[in-house]
Amino acid sequence: MNIALVLSGGVGRRFGSDIPKQYCKLRGKPVIEYVLDVCRLSKVTDKIIIVANGEYVEKLRQKYEVETVEGGNERNRSIKSGFDYISAHYDCDK
């Protein structure tokens, strides 16, 4: 099984917006939707899991109908949270 782990936990301090840049609209839709669209179109992606800031986890799960997991305070912690979730919920040998 090939799982796309989408890291979306940043808060965008340097971006200077009220919301993280991945949720800002670009040409009419949130940036994260472009990533999800490509993952869904991929012939090798079986599952999509988004790692996000805690306040967005449930919103993303409902809006995009994907599995979500809360990330950490740093990118490496978010990656680990995603891998830990996959390890706990899927039989992956990679």
C-alpha atoms as a PDB file:
ATOM      1  CA  MET A   1       0.000   0.000   0.000  1.00  0.00           C
ATOM      2  CA  ASN A   2       1.299   3.460  -0.930  1.00  0.00           C
ATOM      3  CA  ILE A   3       0.317   6.220   1.456  1.00  0.00           C
ATOM      4  CA  ALA A   4       0.779   9.914   0.663  1.00  0.00           C
ATOM      5  CA  LEU A   5       1.669  11.748   3.845  1.00  0.00           C
ATOM      6  CA  VAL A   6       0.815  15.426   3.355  1.00  0.00           C
ATOM      7  CA  LEU A   7       2.564  17.696   5.849  1.00  0.00           C
ATOM      8  CA  SER A   8       0.308  20.636   6.563  1.00  0.00           C
ATOM      9  CA  GLY A   9       1.203  21.614  10.099  1.00  0.00           C
ATOM     10  CA  GLY A  10       2.887  24.942   9.538  1.00  0.00           C
ATOM     11  CA  VAL A  11       1.351  28.102  10.947  1.00  0.00           C
ATOM     12  CA  GLY A  12       2.861  30.465   8.338  1.00  0.00           C
ATOM     13  CA  ARG A  13       4.404  33.100  10.607  1.00  0.00           C
ATOM     14  CA  ARG A  14       6.800  34.309   7.904  1.00  0.00           C
ATOM     15  CA  PHE A  15       4.013  34.299   5.310  1.00  0.00           C
ATOM     16  CA  GLY A  16       2.264  37.136   7.135  1.00  0.00           C
ATOM     17  CA  SER A  17      -1.342  35.961   6.794  1.00  0.00           C
ATOM     18  CA  ASP A  18      -4.044  35.398   9.390  1.00  0.00           C
ATOM     19  CA  ILE A  19      -4.185  31.748   8.319  1.00  0.00           C
ATOM     20  CA  PRO A  20      -1.433  29.302   7.303  1.00  0.00           C
ATOM     21  CA  LYS A  21      -0.438  29.590   3.636  1.00  0.00           C
ATOM     22  CA  GLN A  22      -1.607  26.054   2.801  1.00  0.00           C
ATOM     23  CA  TYR A  23      -5.186  27.180   3.501  1.00  0.00           C
ATOM     24  CA  CYS A  24      -4.961  30.482   1.595  1.00  0.00           C
ATOM     25  CA  LYS A  25      -6.640  30.536  -1.785  1.00  0.00           C
ATOM     26  CA  LEU A  26      -4.680  30.515  -5.006  1.00  0.00           C
ATOM     27  CA  ARG A  27      -6.747  30.907  -8.157  1.00  0.00           C
ATOM     28  CA  GLY A  28      -9.934  30.208  -6.235  1.00  0.00           C
ATOM     29  CA  LYS A  29      -9.011  27.227  -4.079  1.00  0.00           C
ATOM     30  CA  PRO A  30      -6.845  26.543  -1.023  1.00  0.00           C
ATOM     31  CA  VAL A  31      -3.251  25.592  -1.836  1.00  0.00           C
ATOM     32  CA  ILE A  32      -3.632  22.263  -0.017  1.00  0.00           C
ATOM     33  CA  GLU A  33      -6.347  21.233  -2.503  1.00  0.00           C
ATOM     34  CA  TYR A  34      -3.799  21.279  -5.331  1.00  0.00           C
ATOM     35  CA  VAL A  35      -1.688  18.772  -3.395  1.00  0.00           C
ATOM     36  CA  LEU A  36      -4.688  16.567  -2.608  1.00  0.00           C
ATOM     37  CA  ASP A  37      -5.855  16.675  -6.231  1.00  0.00           C
ATOM     38  CA  VAL A  38      -2.479  15.409  -7.452  1.00  0.00           C
ATOM     39  CA  CYS A  39      -2.432  12.678  -4.806  1.00  0.00           C
ATOM     40  CA  ARG A  40      -5.916  11.555  -5.817  1.00  0.00           C
ATOM     41  CA  LEU A  41      -5.002  11.510  -9.507  1.00  0.00           C
ATOM     42  CA  SER A  42      -1.862   9.470  -8.904  1.00  0.00           C
ATOM     43  CA  LYS A  43      -2.130   5.849  -9.956  1.00  0.00           C
ATOM     44  CA  VAL A  44       0.276   4.809  -7.186  1.00  0.00           C
ATOM     45  CA  THR A  45      -1.377   6.519  -4.205  1.00  0.00           C
ATOM     46  CA  ASP A  46      -3.751   4.284  -2.281  1.00  0.00           C
ATOM     47  CA  LYS A  47      -4.387   6.461   0.777  1.00  0.00           C
ATOM     48  CA  ILE A  48      -3.899  10.108   1.783  1.00  0.00           C
ATOM     49  CA  ILE A  49      -3.133  11.169   5.335  1.00  0.00           C
ATOM     50  CA  ILE A  50      -2.756  14.827   6.304  1.00  0.00           C
ATOM     51  CA  VAL A  51      -0.599  15.829   9.252  1.00  0.00           C
ATOM     52  CA  ALA A  52      -1.878  19.181  10.500  1.00  0.00           C
ATOM     53  CA  ASN A  53      -1.946  21.657  13.337  1.00  0.00           C
ATOM     54  CA  GLY A  54      -4.436  20.485  15.966  1.00  0.00           C
ATOM     55  CA  GLU A  55      -6.975  23.226  15.290  1.00  0.00           C
ATOM     56  CA  TYR A  56      -7.315  22.132  11.641  1.00  0.00           C
ATOM     57  CA  VAL A  57      -7.325  18.327  12.007  1.00  0.00           C
ATOM     58  CA  GLU A  58     -11.081  17.785  12.250  1.00  0.00           C
ATOM     59  CA  LYS A  59     -11.919  20.475   9.676  1.00  0.00           C
ATOM     60  CA  LEU A  60      -9.595  18.860   7.134  1.00  0.00           C
ATOM     61  CA  ARG A  61     -10.927  15.371   7.849  1.00  0.00           C
ATOM     62  CA  GLN A  62     -14.494  16.474   7.228  1.00  0.00           C
ATOM     63  CA  LYS A  63     -13.859  18.784   4.276  1.00  0.00           C
ATOM     64  CA  TYR A  64     -11.568  16.500   2.274  1.00  0.00           C
ATOM     65  CA  GLU A  65     -12.689  13.087   3.548  1.00  0.00           C
ATOM     66  CA  VAL A  66      -9.161  11.949   4.345  1.00  0.00           C
ATOM     67  CA  GLU A  67      -7.482  10.638   7.445  1.00  0.00           C
ATOM     68  CA  THR A  68      -5.765  13.270   9.547  1.00  0.00           C
ATOM     69  CA  VAL A  69      -3.331  13.278  12.422  1.00  0.00           C
ATOM     70  CA  GLU A  70      -2.128  16.059  14.675  1.00  0.00           C
ATOM     71  CA  GLY A  71       1.411  17.180  14.017  1.00  0.00           C
ATOM     72  CA  GLY A  72       4.096  18.365  16.396  1.00  0.00           C
ATOM     73  CA  ASN A  73       5.686  21.709  17.195  1.00  0.00           C
ATOM     74  CA  GLU A  74       8.434  21.102  14.640  1.00  0.00           C
ATOM     75  CA  ARG A  75       8.500  19.549  11.178  1.00  0.00           C
ATOM     76  CA  ASN A  76      10.418  16.479  12.358  1.00  0.00           C
ATOM     77  CA  ARG A  77       7.837  15.857  15.104  1.00  0.00           C
ATOM     78  CA  SER A  78       5.047  16.122  12.536  1.00  0.00           C
ATOM     79  CA  ILE A  79       6.764  13.616  10.262  1.00  0.00           C
ATOM     80  CA  LYS A  80       7.169  11.250  13.214  1.00  0.00           C
ATOM     81  CA  SER A  81       3.489  11.678  14.148  1.00  0.00           C
ATOM     82  CA  GLY A  82       2.511  10.743  10.600  1.00  0.00           C
ATOM     83  CA  PHE A  83       4.765   7.693  10.509  1.00  0.00           C
ATOM     84  CA  ASP A  84       3.612   6.587  13.962  1.00  0.00           C
ATOM     85  CA  TYR A  85      -0.021   6.843  12.821  1.00  0.00           C
ATOM     86  CA  ILE A  86       0.697   4.790   9.706  1.00  0.00           C
ATOM     87  CA  SER A  87       2.576   2.183  11.733  1.00  0.00           C
ATOM     88  CA  ALA A  88      -0.306   1.884  14.219  1.00  0.00           C
ATOM     89  CA  HIS A  89      -3.102   1.696  11.623  1.00  0.00           C
ATOM     90  CA  TYR A  90      -1.619  -0.009   8.561  1.00  0.00           C
ATOM     91  CA  ASP A  91       0.379  -3.089   7.790  1.00  0.00           C
ATOM     92  CA  CYS A  92       3.292  -1.477   5.975  1.00  0.00           C
ATOM     93  CA  ASP A  93       6.606  -3.173   5.451  1.00  0.00           C
ATOM     94  CA  LYS A  94       8.434  -0.132   4.023  1.00  0.00           C
END
